Amino acid sequence: AARSRSGWGPQLVIRDGNWYDYWG
């Protein structure tokens, strides 16, 4: 998965799949 907006965040955020924009 990849996120095209902000580059990083708290652990609670980056472990949430809904935070990502693209998927393989």
PDB file of all heavy atoms in Angstrom:
ATOM      1  N   ALA A   1       0.833  -1.190   0.000  1.00  0.00           N
ATOM      2  CA  ALA A   1       0.000   0.000   0.000  1.00  0.00           C
ATOM      3  C   ALA A   1       0.873   1.248   0.000  1.00  0.00           C
ATOM      4  O   ALA A   1       2.006   1.229   0.475  1.00  0.00           O
ATOM      5  CB  ALA A   1      -0.917   0.009   1.223  1.00  0.00           C
ATOM      6  N   ALA A   2       0.329   2.331  -0.532  1.00  0.00           N
ATOM      7  CA  ALA A   2       1.078   3.580  -0.599  1.00  0.00           C
ATOM      8  C   ALA A   2       0.168   4.764  -0.325  1.00  0.00           C
ATOM      9  O   ALA A   2      -1.005   4.755  -0.708  1.00  0.00           O
ATOM     10  CB  ALA A   2       1.741   3.733  -1.966  1.00  0.00           C
ATOM     11  N   ARG A   3       0.718   5.765   0.336  1.00  0.00           N
ATOM     12  CA  ARG A   3       0.000   6.995   0.613  1.00  0.00           C
ATOM     13  C   ARG A   3       0.674   8.134  -0.138  1.00  0.00           C
ATOM     14  O   ARG A   3       1.889   8.294  -0.070  1.00  0.00           O
ATOM     15  CB  ARG A   3      -0.023   7.287   2.112  1.00  0.00           C
ATOM     16  CG  ARG A   3      -0.744   8.578   2.484  1.00  0.00           C
ATOM     17  CD  ARG A   3      -0.812   8.754   3.992  1.00  0.00           C
ATOM     18  NE  ARG A   3      -1.317  10.057   4.372  1.00  0.00           N
ATOM     19  CZ  ARG A   3      -2.601  10.364   4.512  1.00  0.00           C
ATOM     20  NH1 ARG A   3      -3.538   9.435   4.302  1.00  0.00           N
ATOM     21  NH2 ARG A   3      -2.968  11.588   4.865  1.00  0.00           N
ATOM     22  N   SER A   4      -0.112   8.918  -0.838  1.00  0.00           N
ATOM     23  CA  SER A   4       0.415  10.002  -1.666  1.00  0.00           C
ATOM     24  C   SER A   4       0.293  11.368  -1.012  1.00  0.00           C
ATOM     25  O   SER A   4       0.781  12.359  -1.564  1.00  0.00           O
ATOM     26  CB  SER A   4      -0.297  10.028  -3.019  1.00  0.00           C
ATOM     27  OG  SER A   4      -1.678  10.269  -2.871  1.00  0.00           O
ATOM     28  N   ARG A   5      -0.313  11.439   0.171  1.00  0.00           N
ATOM     29  CA  ARG A   5      -0.487  12.718   0.835  1.00  0.00           C
ATOM     30  C   ARG A   5       0.619  12.928   1.871  1.00  0.00           C
ATOM     31  O   ARG A   5       1.788  12.991   1.502  1.00  0.00           O
ATOM     32  CB  ARG A   5      -1.890  12.810   1.436  1.00  0.00           C
ATOM     33  CG  ARG A   5      -2.984  12.953   0.360  1.00  0.00           C
ATOM     34  CD  ARG A   5      -4.374  12.741   0.912  1.00  0.00           C
ATOM     35  NE  ARG A   5      -4.654  11.326   1.130  1.00  0.00           N
ATOM     36  CZ  ARG A   5      -5.747  10.867   1.732  1.00  0.00           C
ATOM     37  NH1 ARG A   5      -6.653  11.722   2.201  1.00  0.00           N
ATOM     38  NH2 ARG A   5      -5.932   9.563   1.874  1.00  0.00           N
ATOM     39  N   SER A   6       0.298  13.053   3.145  1.00  0.00           N
ATOM     40  CA  SER A   6       1.327  13.239   4.155  1.00  0.00           C
ATOM     41  C   SER A   6       2.232  12.014   4.216  1.00  0.00           C
ATOM     42  O   SER A   6       1.792  10.891   3.939  1.00  0.00           O
ATOM     43  CB  SER A   6       0.713  13.510   5.520  1.00  0.00           C
ATOM     44  OG  SER A   6      -0.113  12.432   5.925  1.00  0.00           O
ATOM     45  N   GLY A   7       3.493  12.243   4.592  1.00  0.00           N
ATOM     46  CA  GLY A   7       4.481  11.185   4.513  1.00  0.00           C
ATOM     47  C   GLY A   7       4.603  10.267   5.713  1.00  0.00           C
ATOM     48  O   GLY A   7       5.142   9.168   5.590  1.00  0.00           O
ATOM     49  N   TRP A   8       4.117  10.673   6.844  1.00  0.00           N
ATOM     50  CA  TRP A   8       4.251   9.891   8.058  1.00  0.00           C
ATOM     51  C   TRP A   8       3.264  10.386   9.099  1.00  0.00           C
ATOM     52  O   TRP A   8       2.670  11.454   8.955  1.00  0.00           O
ATOM     53  CB  TRP A   8       5.685   9.988   8.593  1.00  0.00           C
ATOM     54  CG  TRP A   8       6.064   8.916   9.559  1.00  0.00           C
ATOM     55  CD1 TRP A   8       6.338   9.059  10.885  1.00  0.00           C
ATOM     56  CD2 TRP A   8       6.211   7.520   9.284  1.00  0.00           C
ATOM     57  NE1 TRP A   8       6.656   7.855  11.453  1.00  0.00           N
ATOM     58  CE2 TRP A   8       6.593   6.883  10.485  1.00  0.00           C
ATOM     59  CE3 TRP A   8       6.068   6.744   8.131  1.00  0.00           C
ATOM     60  CZ2 TRP A   8       6.827   5.507  10.569  1.00  0.00           C
ATOM     61  CZ3 TRP A   8       6.286   5.381   8.217  1.00  0.00           C
ATOM     62  CH2 TRP A   8       6.670   4.779   9.423  1.00  0.00           C
ATOM     63  N   GLY A   9       3.093   9.598  10.163  1.00  0.00           N
ATOM     64  CA  GLY A   9       2.175   9.984  11.215  1.00  0.00           C
ATOM     65  C   GLY A   9       2.317   9.080  12.418  1.00  0.00           C
ATOM     66  O   GLY A   9       3.193   8.208  12.459  1.00  0.00           O
ATOM     67  N   PRO A  10       1.467   9.249  13.426  1.00  0.00           N
ATOM     68  CA  PRO A  10       1.502   8.383  14.606  1.00  0.00           C
ATOM     69  C   PRO A  10       1.210   6.931  14.244  1.00  0.00           C
ATOM     70  O   PRO A  10       0.575   6.650  13.224  1.00  0.00           O
ATOM     71  CB  PRO A  10       0.395   8.961  15.503  1.00  0.00           C
ATOM     72  CG  PRO A  10       0.197  10.361  15.020  1.00  0.00           C
ATOM     73  CD  PRO A  10       0.451  10.304  13.548  1.00  0.00           C
ATOM     74  N   GLN A  11       1.649   6.006  15.086  1.00  0.00           N
ATOM     75  CA  GLN A  11       1.459   4.583  14.825  1.00  0.00           C
ATOM     76  C   GLN A  11      -0.011   4.226  14.650  1.00  0.00           C
ATOM     77  O   GLN A  11      -0.356   3.378  13.829  1.00  0.00           O
ATOM     78  CB  GLN A  11       2.079   3.757  15.943  1.00  0.00           C
ATOM     79  CG  GLN A  11       3.589   3.882  16.019  1.00  0.00           C
ATOM     80  CD  GLN A  11       4.177   3.107  17.181  1.00  0.00           C
ATOM     81  OE1 GLN A  11       3.465   2.481  17.955  1.00  0.00           O
ATOM     82  NE2 GLN A  11       5.491   3.139  17.304  1.00  0.00           N
ATOM     83  N   LEU A  12      -0.860   4.861  15.428  1.00  0.00           N
ATOM     84  CA  LEU A  12      -2.285   4.599  15.338  1.00  0.00           C
ATOM     85  C   LEU A  12      -2.818   4.907  13.947  1.00  0.00           C
ATOM     86  O   LEU A  12      -3.763   4.272  13.482  1.00  0.00           O
ATOM     87  CB  LEU A  12      -3.033   5.423  16.392  1.00  0.00           C
ATOM     88  CG  LEU A  12      -4.546   5.232  16.480  1.00  0.00           C
ATOM     89  CD1 LEU A  12      -4.874   3.811  16.908  1.00  0.00           C
ATOM     90  CD2 LEU A  12      -5.148   6.240  17.457  1.00  0.00           C
ATOM     91  N   VAL A  13      -2.206   5.853  13.274  1.00  0.00           N
ATOM     92  CA  VAL A  13      -2.642   6.263  11.951  1.00  0.00           C
ATOM     93  C   VAL A  13      -2.066   5.372  10.856  1.00  0.00           C
ATOM     94  O   VAL A  13      -2.797   4.893   9.984  1.00  0.00           O
ATOM     95  CB  VAL A  13      -2.262   7.733  11.685  1.00  0.00           C
ATOM     96  CG1 VAL A  13      -2.554   8.108  10.231  1.00  0.00           C
ATOM     97  CG2 VAL A  13      -3.017   8.659  12.626  1.00  0.00           C
ATOM     98  N   ILE A  14      -0.779   5.123  10.890  1.00  0.00           N
ATOM     99  CA  ILE A  14      -0.133   4.406   9.793  1.00  0.00           C
ATOM    100  C   ILE A  14      -0.460   2.920   9.769  1.00  0.00           C
ATOM    101  O   ILE A  14      -0.187   2.254   8.771  1.00  0.00           O
ATOM    102  CB  ILE A  14       1.399   4.595   9.809  1.00  0.00           C
ATOM    103  CG1 ILE A  14       2.020   4.029  11.081  1.00  0.00           C
ATOM    104  CG2 ILE A  14       1.751   6.073   9.666  1.00  0.00           C
ATOM    105  CD1 ILE A  14       3.539   4.090  11.090  1.00  0.00           C
ATOM    106  N   ARG A  15      -1.055   2.375  10.805  1.00  0.00           N
ATOM    107  CA  ARG A  15      -1.467   0.978  10.799  1.00  0.00           C
ATOM    108  C   ARG A  15      -2.904   0.819  10.311  1.00  0.00           C
ATOM    109  O   ARG A  15      -3.414  -0.304  10.235  1.00  0.00           O
ATOM    110  CB  ARG A  15      -1.303   0.340  12.176  1.00  0.00           C
ATOM    111  CG  ARG A  15      -2.214   0.895  13.253  1.00  0.00           C
ATOM    112  CD  ARG A  15      -1.847   0.304  14.607  1.00  0.00           C
ATOM    113  NE  ARG A  15      -2.001  -1.148  14.632  1.00  0.00           N
ATOM    114  CZ  ARG A  15      -1.504  -1.935  15.582  1.00  0.00           C
ATOM    115  NH1 ARG A  15      -0.796  -1.407  16.570  1.00  0.00           N
ATOM    116  NH2 ARG A  15      -1.704  -3.238  15.529  1.00  0.00           N
ATOM    117  N   ASP A  16      -3.547   1.921   9.988  1.00  0.00           N
ATOM    118  CA  ASP A  16      -4.916   1.918   9.501  1.00  0.00           C
ATOM    119  C   ASP A  16      -4.908   1.873   7.978  1.00  0.00           C
ATOM    120  O   ASP A  16      -4.422   2.790   7.324  1.00  0.00           O
ATOM    121  CB  ASP A  16      -5.645   3.159  10.004  1.00  0.00           C
ATOM    122  CG  ASP A  16      -7.101   3.209   9.590  1.00  0.00           C
ATOM    123  OD1 ASP A  16      -7.572   2.289   8.886  1.00  0.00           O
ATOM    124  OD2 ASP A  16      -7.780   4.179   9.970  1.00  0.00           O
ATOM    125  N   GLY A  17      -5.446   0.814   7.393  1.00  0.00           N
ATOM    126  CA  GLY A  17      -5.466   0.676   5.950  1.00  0.00           C
ATOM    127  C   GLY A  17      -6.178   1.797   5.233  1.00  0.00           C
ATOM    128  O   GLY A  17      -5.853   2.114   4.083  1.00  0.00           O
ATOM    129  N   ASN A  18      -7.142   2.410   5.892  1.00  0.00           N
ATOM    130  CA  ASN A  18      -7.893   3.503   5.274  1.00  0.00           C
ATOM    131  C   ASN A  18      -7.050   4.753   5.082  1.00  0.00           C
ATOM    132  O   ASN A  18      -7.462   5.657   4.353  1.00  0.00           O
ATOM    133  CB  ASN A  18      -9.124   3.837   6.108  1.00  0.00           C
ATOM    134  CG  ASN A  18     -10.140   2.721   6.125  1.00  0.00           C
ATOM    135  OD1 ASN A  18     -10.349   2.046   5.123  1.00  0.00           O
ATOM    136  ND2 ASN A  18     -10.769   2.518   7.276  1.00  0.00           N
ATOM    137  N   TRP A  19      -5.902   4.800   5.694  1.00  0.00           N
ATOM    138  CA  TRP A  19      -5.003   5.937   5.580  1.00  0.00           C
ATOM    139  C   TRP A  19      -4.254   5.930   4.246  1.00  0.00           C
ATOM    140  O   TRP A  19      -3.747   6.964   3.825  1.00  0.00           O
ATOM    141  CB  TRP A  19      -4.018   5.904   6.751  1.00  0.00           C
ATOM    142  CG  TRP A  19      -3.184   7.130   6.933  1.00  0.00           C
ATOM    143  CD1 TRP A  19      -3.597   8.387   7.243  1.00  0.00           C
ATOM    144  CD2 TRP A  19      -1.753   7.201   6.837  1.00  0.00           C
ATOM    145  NE1 TRP A  19      -2.521   9.239   7.353  1.00  0.00           N
ATOM    146  CE2 TRP A  19      -1.375   8.534   7.105  1.00  0.00           C
ATOM    147  CE3 TRP A  19      -0.753   6.266   6.555  1.00  0.00           C
ATOM    148  CZ2 TRP A  19      -0.049   8.955   7.094  1.00  0.00           C
ATOM    149  CZ3 TRP A  19       0.569   6.682   6.545  1.00  0.00           C
ATOM    150  CH2 TRP A  19       0.907   8.010   6.816  1.00  0.00           C
ATOM    151  N   TYR A  20      -4.196   4.798   3.593  1.00  0.00           N
ATOM    152  CA  TYR A  20      -3.447   4.658   2.349  1.00  0.00           C
ATOM    153  C   TYR A  20      -4.319   4.915   1.133  1.00  0.00           C
ATOM    154  O   TYR A  20      -5.537   4.691   1.155  1.00  0.00           O
ATOM    155  CB  TYR A  20      -2.803   3.270   2.277  1.00  0.00           C
ATOM    156  CG  TYR A  20      -1.772   3.069   3.359  1.00  0.00           C
ATOM    157  CD1 TYR A  20      -2.142   2.696   4.648  1.00  0.00           C
ATOM    158  CD2 TYR A  20      -0.427   3.280   3.102  1.00  0.00           C
ATOM    159  CE1 TYR A  20      -1.188   2.546   5.649  1.00  0.00           C
ATOM    160  CE2 TYR A  20       0.527   3.127   4.092  1.00  0.00           C
ATOM    161  CZ  TYR A  20       0.142   2.759   5.365  1.00  0.00           C
ATOM    162  OH  TYR A  20       1.092   2.614   6.356  1.00  0.00           O
ATOM    163  N   ASP A  21      -3.687   5.355   0.057  1.00  0.00           N
ATOM    164  CA  ASP A  21      -4.404   5.764  -1.140  1.00  0.00           C
ATOM    165  C   ASP A  21      -4.408   4.719  -2.250  1.00  0.00           C
ATOM    166  O   ASP A  21      -5.343   4.672  -3.053  1.00  0.00           O
ATOM    167  CB  ASP A  21      -3.797   7.060  -1.687  1.00  0.00           C
ATOM    168  CG  ASP A  21      -3.859   8.191  -0.688  1.00  0.00           C
ATOM    169  OD1 ASP A  21      -4.967   8.512  -0.225  1.00  0.00           O
ATOM    170  OD2 ASP A  21      -2.786   8.764  -0.370  1.00  0.00           O
ATOM    171  N   TYR A  22      -3.377   3.887  -2.318  1.00  0.00           N
ATOM    172  CA  TYR A  22      -3.246   2.921  -3.402  1.00  0.00           C
ATOM    173  C   TYR A  22      -2.875   1.546  -2.867  1.00  0.00           C
ATOM    174  O   TYR A  22      -2.179   1.422  -1.859  1.00  0.00           O
ATOM    175  CB  TYR A  22      -2.192   3.386  -4.413  1.00  0.00           C
ATOM    176  CG  TYR A  22      -2.424   4.784  -4.920  1.00  0.00           C
ATOM    177  CD1 TYR A  22      -1.682   5.849  -4.434  1.00  0.00           C
ATOM    178  CD2 TYR A  22      -3.389   5.034  -5.892  1.00  0.00           C
ATOM    179  CE1 TYR A  22      -1.897   7.140  -4.887  1.00  0.00           C
ATOM    180  CE2 TYR A  22      -3.609   6.326  -6.352  1.00  0.00           C
ATOM    181  CZ  TYR A  22      -2.860   7.368  -5.846  1.00  0.00           C
ATOM    182  OH  TYR A  22      -3.082   8.645  -6.312  1.00  0.00           O
ATOM    183  N   TRP A  23      -3.323   0.513  -3.596  1.00  0.00           N
ATOM    184  CA  TRP A  23      -3.093  -0.872  -3.194  1.00  0.00           C
ATOM    185  C   TRP A  23      -2.689  -1.729  -4.379  1.00  0.00           C
ATOM    186  O   TRP A  23      -3.153  -1.525  -5.501  1.00  0.00           O
ATOM    187  CB  TRP A  23      -4.359  -1.468  -2.569  1.00  0.00           C
ATOM    188  CG  TRP A  23      -4.721  -0.835  -1.269  1.00  0.00           C
ATOM    189  CD1 TRP A  23      -5.445   0.309  -1.081  1.00  0.00           C
ATOM    190  CD2 TRP A  23      -4.378  -1.309   0.035  1.00  0.00           C
ATOM    191  NE1 TRP A  23      -5.573   0.575   0.262  1.00  0.00           N
ATOM    192  CE2 TRP A  23      -4.929  -0.400   0.970  1.00  0.00           C
ATOM    193  CE3 TRP A  23      -3.664  -2.412   0.506  1.00  0.00           C
ATOM    194  CZ2 TRP A  23      -4.783  -0.555   2.339  1.00  0.00           C
ATOM    195  CZ3 TRP A  23      -3.515  -2.576   1.874  1.00  0.00           C
ATOM    196  CH2 TRP A  23      -4.073  -1.655   2.770  1.00  0.00           C
ATOM    197  N   GLY A  24      -1.823  -2.709  -4.114  1.00  0.00           N
ATOM    198  CA  GLY A  24      -1.469  -3.686  -5.118  1.00  0.00           C
ATOM    199  C   GLY A  24      -2.459  -4.832  -5.126  1.00  0.00           C
ATOM    200  O   GLY A  24      -3.402  -4.871  -4.337  1.00  0.00           O
TER     201      GLY A  24
END
